[in-house]
């Protein structure tokens, strides 16, 4: 895979991870695992880093309430113009969340 194509694949995987986190309920124990696995990850896309920070700072883990919560959170973080539509829209059949996270972790090692 060429370098630009590899970088685009990583950015795409990041977006899928964030979309999965933004659109489904994640049990607290699973959040702990996800947070630990992504703790040292350097997000390639700056907006993705902001989205992940907002998700981890959200008080509720219920995606039904995230549209308002995440927009408010990023505004408080100094990023009021972030486009949330692409993150809050479910994707059709995609790999499991943990498979996607593994793609990110594998490509950074």
N, C-alpha and C. Protein backbone atom coordinates (compact mmCIF):
# COMPACT_ATOMS: atom_id res chain seq x y z
N UNK A 1 0.85 -1.17 0.00
CA UNK A 1 0.00 0.00 0.00
C UNK A 1 0.90 1.23 0.00
N UNK A 2 0.60 2.20 -0.83
CA UNK A 2 1.41 3.41 -0.86
C UNK A 2 1.12 4.24 0.38
N UNK A 3 2.05 5.14 0.68
CA UNK A 3 1.93 5.94 1.91
C UNK A 3 0.63 6.75 1.97
N UNK A 4 0.24 7.50 0.91
CA UNK A 4 -1.03 8.24 1.01
C UNK A 4 -2.23 7.31 1.19
N UNK A 5 -2.22 6.17 0.52
CA UNK A 5 -3.33 5.23 0.66
C UNK A 5 -3.36 4.64 2.08
N UNK A 6 -2.21 4.32 2.64
CA UNK A 6 -2.15 3.81 4.01
C UNK A 6 -2.64 4.86 5.00
N UNK A 7 -2.23 6.10 4.80
CA UNK A 7 -2.68 7.17 5.69
C UNK A 7 -4.19 7.37 5.59
N UNK A 8 -4.72 7.29 4.38
CA UNK A 8 -6.17 7.44 4.20
C UNK A 8 -6.91 6.29 4.87
N UNK A 9 -6.35 5.09 4.81
CA UNK A 9 -6.98 3.93 5.45
C UNK A 9 -7.03 4.10 6.96
N UNK A 10 -5.97 4.65 7.54
CA UNK A 10 -5.94 4.89 8.98
C UNK A 10 -6.98 5.94 9.36
N UNK A 11 -7.04 7.02 8.62
CA UNK A 11 -8.02 8.08 8.90
C UNK A 11 -9.44 7.52 8.78
N UNK A 12 -9.66 6.67 7.78
CA UNK A 12 -10.98 6.04 7.62
C UNK A 12 -11.29 5.14 8.82
N UNK A 13 -10.32 4.35 9.26
CA UNK A 13 -10.52 3.49 10.43
C UNK A 13 -10.80 4.32 11.67
N UNK A 14 -10.09 5.45 11.82
CA UNK A 14 -10.36 6.35 12.95
C UNK A 14 -11.82 6.79 12.94
N UNK A 15 -12.29 7.23 11.78
CA UNK A 15 -13.67 7.72 11.67
C UNK A 15 -14.66 6.60 12.01
N UNK A 16 -14.38 5.39 11.57
CA UNK A 16 -15.28 4.27 11.88
C UNK A 16 -15.30 3.96 13.37
N UNK A 17 -14.14 4.04 14.03
CA UNK A 17 -14.07 3.83 15.48
C UNK A 17 -14.91 4.89 16.17
N UNK A 18 -14.73 6.14 15.81
CA UNK A 18 -15.46 7.23 16.45
C UNK A 18 -16.95 7.14 16.16
N UNK A 19 -17.30 6.74 14.96
CA UNK A 19 -18.72 6.58 14.61
C UNK A 19 -19.33 5.47 15.45
N UNK A 20 -18.61 4.37 15.63
CA UNK A 20 -19.12 3.27 16.46
C UNK A 20 -19.28 3.73 17.91
N UNK A 21 -18.31 4.47 18.42
CA UNK A 21 -18.40 4.95 19.81
C UNK A 21 -19.53 5.96 19.98
N UNK A 22 -19.84 6.69 18.92
CA UNK A 22 -20.85 7.74 18.98
C UNK A 22 -22.27 7.23 18.76
N UNK A 23 -22.42 6.02 18.28
CA UNK A 23 -23.76 5.58 17.90
C UNK A 23 -24.25 4.34 18.63
N UNK A 24 -23.44 3.79 19.52
CA UNK A 24 -23.92 2.62 20.25
C UNK A 24 -23.56 2.72 21.72
N UNK A 25 -24.35 2.05 22.53
CA UNK A 25 -24.09 2.02 23.96
C UNK A 25 -22.88 1.12 24.22
N UNK A 26 -21.98 1.61 25.05
CA UNK A 26 -20.79 0.85 25.42
C UNK A 26 -20.80 0.67 26.93
N UNK A 27 -20.73 -0.56 27.37
CA UNK A 27 -20.72 -0.86 28.80
C UNK A 27 -19.49 -0.22 29.46
N UNK A 28 -19.60 0.18 30.73
CA UNK A 28 -18.47 0.80 31.42
C UNK A 28 -17.19 -0.04 31.39
N UNK A 29 -17.31 -1.35 31.56
CA UNK A 29 -16.13 -2.21 31.54
C UNK A 29 -15.47 -2.19 30.15
N UNK A 30 -16.28 -2.15 29.12
CA UNK A 30 -15.75 -2.09 27.76
C UNK A 30 -15.07 -0.74 27.51
N UNK A 31 -15.63 0.35 28.07
CA UNK A 31 -15.00 1.67 27.94
C UNK A 31 -13.61 1.65 28.54
N UNK A 32 -13.47 0.98 29.66
CA UNK A 32 -12.16 0.89 30.30
C UNK A 32 -11.15 0.24 29.37
N UNK A 33 -11.55 -0.84 28.73
CA UNK A 33 -10.67 -1.54 27.79
C UNK A 33 -10.34 -0.64 26.59
N UNK A 34 -11.35 -0.02 26.03
CA UNK A 34 -11.16 0.85 24.87
C UNK A 34 -10.23 2.01 25.22
N UNK A 35 -10.50 2.64 26.35
CA UNK A 35 -9.68 3.78 26.77
C UNK A 35 -8.22 3.37 26.98
N UNK A 36 -8.01 2.21 27.55
CA UNK A 36 -6.65 1.72 27.77
C UNK A 36 -5.95 1.44 26.43
N UNK A 37 -6.68 0.82 25.50
CA UNK A 37 -6.07 0.49 24.20
C UNK A 37 -5.76 1.74 23.37
N UNK A 38 -6.55 2.77 23.52
CA UNK A 38 -6.34 3.98 22.73
C UNK A 38 -5.56 5.07 23.47
N UNK A 39 -5.14 4.78 24.69
CA UNK A 39 -4.45 5.78 25.52
C UNK A 39 -3.23 6.39 24.85
N UNK A 40 -2.44 5.60 24.19
CA UNK A 40 -1.23 6.12 23.57
C UNK A 40 -1.37 6.39 22.08
N UNK A 41 -2.59 6.27 21.56
CA UNK A 41 -2.79 6.44 20.13
C UNK A 41 -2.73 7.91 19.74
N UNK A 42 -2.01 8.22 18.69
CA UNK A 42 -1.94 9.58 18.15
C UNK A 42 -2.88 9.67 16.96
N UNK A 43 -3.97 10.36 17.15
CA UNK A 43 -4.98 10.49 16.10
C UNK A 43 -4.38 11.25 14.92
N UNK A 44 -4.54 10.72 13.72
CA UNK A 44 -3.98 11.33 12.51
C UNK A 44 -4.73 12.59 12.11
N UNK A 45 -6.04 12.57 12.32
CA UNK A 45 -6.90 13.68 11.95
C UNK A 45 -7.19 14.49 13.22
N UNK A 46 -6.82 15.78 13.25
CA UNK A 46 -7.04 16.58 14.46
C UNK A 46 -8.49 16.57 14.96
N UNK A 47 -9.46 16.64 14.04
CA UNK A 47 -10.86 16.59 14.46
C UNK A 47 -11.19 15.27 15.16
N UNK A 48 -10.54 14.21 14.75
CA UNK A 48 -10.79 12.91 15.38
C UNK A 48 -10.30 12.91 16.83
N UNK A 49 -9.17 13.54 17.08
CA UNK A 49 -8.67 13.65 18.45
C UNK A 49 -9.64 14.43 19.32
N UNK A 50 -10.22 15.48 18.77
CA UNK A 50 -11.18 16.29 19.50
C UNK A 50 -12.45 15.49 19.78
N UNK A 51 -12.93 14.78 18.78
CA UNK A 51 -14.13 13.96 18.95
C UNK A 51 -13.91 12.90 20.03
N UNK A 52 -12.76 12.22 19.99
CA UNK A 52 -12.49 11.19 21.00
C UNK A 52 -12.42 11.82 22.40
N UNK A 53 -11.77 12.96 22.51
CA UNK A 53 -11.70 13.64 23.81
C UNK A 53 -13.09 14.00 24.31
N UNK A 54 -13.94 14.48 23.43
CA UNK A 54 -15.31 14.84 23.82
C UNK A 54 -16.09 13.61 24.25
N UNK A 55 -15.93 12.51 23.53
CA UNK A 55 -16.63 11.27 23.88
C UNK A 55 -16.18 10.79 25.26
N UNK A 56 -14.89 10.83 25.52
CA UNK A 56 -14.40 10.34 26.81
C UNK A 56 -14.77 11.26 27.96
N UNK A 57 -15.03 12.53 27.67
CA UNK A 57 -15.42 13.48 28.72
C UNK A 57 -16.91 13.56 28.95
N UNK A 58 -17.70 13.00 28.06
CA UNK A 58 -19.16 13.07 28.18
C UNK A 58 -19.61 12.41 29.47
N UNK A 59 -20.59 13.02 30.11
CA UNK A 59 -21.09 12.48 31.38
C UNK A 59 -21.91 11.21 31.15
N UNK A 60 -22.70 11.21 30.12
CA UNK A 60 -23.56 10.07 29.83
C UNK A 60 -22.89 9.19 28.79
N UNK A 61 -23.14 7.93 28.85
CA UNK A 61 -22.63 7.00 27.83
C UNK A 61 -23.77 6.55 26.92
N UNK A 62 -24.90 7.21 27.01
CA UNK A 62 -26.05 6.85 26.21
C UNK A 62 -26.04 7.66 24.91
N UNK A 63 -25.81 7.03 23.77
CA UNK A 63 -25.73 7.77 22.51
C UNK A 63 -27.00 8.51 22.14
N UNK A 64 -28.15 8.15 22.73
CA UNK A 64 -29.39 8.86 22.43
C UNK A 64 -29.30 10.33 22.84
N UNK A 65 -28.45 10.63 23.81
CA UNK A 65 -28.35 11.99 24.32
C UNK A 65 -27.07 12.69 23.86
N UNK A 66 -26.27 12.04 23.05
CA UNK A 66 -24.96 12.58 22.71
C UNK A 66 -24.98 13.73 21.73
N UNK A 67 -25.98 13.81 20.87
CA UNK A 67 -26.00 14.88 19.88
C UNK A 67 -25.81 16.23 20.57
N UNK A 68 -26.57 16.47 21.61
CA UNK A 68 -26.45 17.73 22.34
C UNK A 68 -25.20 17.76 23.22
N UNK A 69 -24.94 16.67 23.92
CA UNK A 69 -23.82 16.62 24.86
C UNK A 69 -22.48 16.81 24.16
N UNK A 70 -22.28 16.11 23.07
CA UNK A 70 -20.97 16.16 22.41
C UNK A 70 -20.75 17.52 21.75
N UNK A 71 -21.77 18.10 21.18
CA UNK A 71 -21.63 19.43 20.60
C UNK A 71 -21.30 20.45 21.69
N UNK A 72 -21.98 20.34 22.82
CA UNK A 72 -21.69 21.25 23.94
C UNK A 72 -20.28 21.03 24.46
N UNK A 73 -19.87 19.78 24.55
CA UNK A 73 -18.53 19.46 25.06
C UNK A 73 -17.45 20.04 24.16
N UNK A 74 -17.58 19.88 22.86
CA UNK A 74 -16.54 20.42 21.97
C UNK A 74 -16.56 21.94 21.96
N UNK A 75 -17.72 22.53 22.15
CA UNK A 75 -17.78 24.00 22.26
C UNK A 75 -17.02 24.45 23.49
N UNK A 76 -17.21 23.77 24.62
CA UNK A 76 -16.47 24.11 25.84
C UNK A 76 -14.97 23.90 25.66
N UNK A 77 -14.61 22.96 24.79
CA UNK A 77 -13.19 22.69 24.53
C UNK A 77 -12.59 23.69 23.54
N UNK A 78 -13.43 24.58 22.99
CA UNK A 78 -12.95 25.60 22.06
C UNK A 78 -13.13 25.24 20.60
N UNK A 79 -13.97 24.24 20.30
CA UNK A 79 -14.17 23.80 18.93
C UNK A 79 -15.68 23.77 18.62
N UNK A 80 -16.30 24.94 18.48
CA UNK A 80 -17.75 24.98 18.29
C UNK A 80 -18.22 24.57 16.90
N UNK A 81 -17.36 24.56 15.92
CA UNK A 81 -17.79 24.33 14.54
C UNK A 81 -17.55 22.92 14.03
N UNK A 82 -17.32 21.99 14.91
CA UNK A 82 -17.06 20.62 14.50
C UNK A 82 -18.33 20.02 13.88
N UNK A 83 -18.18 19.34 12.76
CA UNK A 83 -19.31 18.72 12.06
C UNK A 83 -19.59 17.34 12.67
N UNK A 84 -20.63 17.26 13.48
CA UNK A 84 -20.95 16.02 14.18
C UNK A 84 -21.77 15.05 13.34
N UNK A 85 -22.38 15.52 12.27
CA UNK A 85 -23.26 14.65 11.48
C UNK A 85 -22.56 13.37 11.03
N UNK A 86 -21.33 13.47 10.60
CA UNK A 86 -20.65 12.28 10.10
C UNK A 86 -20.29 11.29 11.20
N UNK A 87 -20.24 11.76 12.44
CA UNK A 87 -19.91 10.88 13.56
C UNK A 87 -21.15 10.28 14.21
N UNK A 88 -22.27 10.96 14.10
CA UNK A 88 -23.50 10.52 14.77
C UNK A 88 -24.43 9.74 13.85
N UNK A 89 -23.98 9.48 12.65
CA UNK A 89 -24.78 8.72 11.68
C UNK A 89 -24.25 7.29 11.65
N UNK A 90 -25.09 6.31 11.96
CA UNK A 90 -24.63 4.92 11.94
C UNK A 90 -24.16 4.52 10.54
N UNK A 91 -23.17 3.67 10.50
CA UNK A 91 -22.67 3.15 9.23
C UNK A 91 -23.25 1.77 8.99
N UNK A 92 -23.47 1.44 7.73
CA UNK A 92 -23.89 0.07 7.46
C UNK A 92 -22.75 -0.88 7.76
N UNK A 93 -23.05 -2.11 7.93
CA UNK A 93 -22.11 -3.19 8.27
C UNK A 93 -20.64 -2.81 8.20
N UNK A 94 -20.05 -2.72 9.36
CA UNK A 94 -18.62 -2.44 9.46
C UNK A 94 -18.02 -3.43 10.45
N UNK A 95 -16.70 -3.57 10.45
CA UNK A 95 -16.08 -4.50 11.40
C UNK A 95 -16.43 -4.11 12.84
N UNK A 96 -16.21 -5.03 13.75
CA UNK A 96 -16.50 -4.74 15.15
C UNK A 96 -15.60 -3.61 15.65
N UNK A 97 -16.06 -2.96 16.68
CA UNK A 97 -15.31 -1.86 17.27
C UNK A 97 -13.91 -2.29 17.67
N UNK A 98 -13.79 -3.46 18.27
CA UNK A 98 -12.48 -3.91 18.73
C UNK A 98 -11.57 -4.29 17.56
N UNK A 99 -12.14 -4.78 16.47
CA UNK A 99 -11.34 -5.03 15.27
C UNK A 99 -10.81 -3.72 14.70
N UNK A 100 -11.64 -2.69 14.68
CA UNK A 100 -11.22 -1.38 14.18
C UNK A 100 -10.12 -0.79 15.05
N UNK A 101 -10.28 -0.90 16.36
CA UNK A 101 -9.26 -0.39 17.27
C UNK A 101 -7.96 -1.14 17.05
N UNK A 102 -8.05 -2.43 16.81
CA UNK A 102 -6.84 -3.22 16.56
C UNK A 102 -6.13 -2.73 15.30
N UNK A 103 -6.88 -2.36 14.27
CA UNK A 103 -6.28 -1.80 13.05
C UNK A 103 -5.47 -0.55 13.40
N UNK A 104 -6.04 0.32 14.22
CA UNK A 104 -5.33 1.55 14.60
C UNK A 104 -4.07 1.23 15.40
N UNK A 105 -4.21 0.35 16.37
CA UNK A 105 -3.08 0.00 17.23
C UNK A 105 -1.98 -0.67 16.42
N UNK A 106 -2.35 -1.59 15.53
CA UNK A 106 -1.36 -2.30 14.71
C UNK A 106 -0.59 -1.35 13.79
N UNK A 107 -1.24 -0.34 13.30
CA UNK A 107 -0.60 0.57 12.35
C UNK A 107 0.27 1.61 13.02
N UNK A 108 0.20 1.69 14.33
CA UNK A 108 1.04 2.66 15.03
C UNK A 108 2.24 2.00 15.71
N UNK A 109 2.27 0.70 15.71
CA UNK A 109 3.39 0.00 16.37
C UNK A 109 4.56 -0.16 15.43
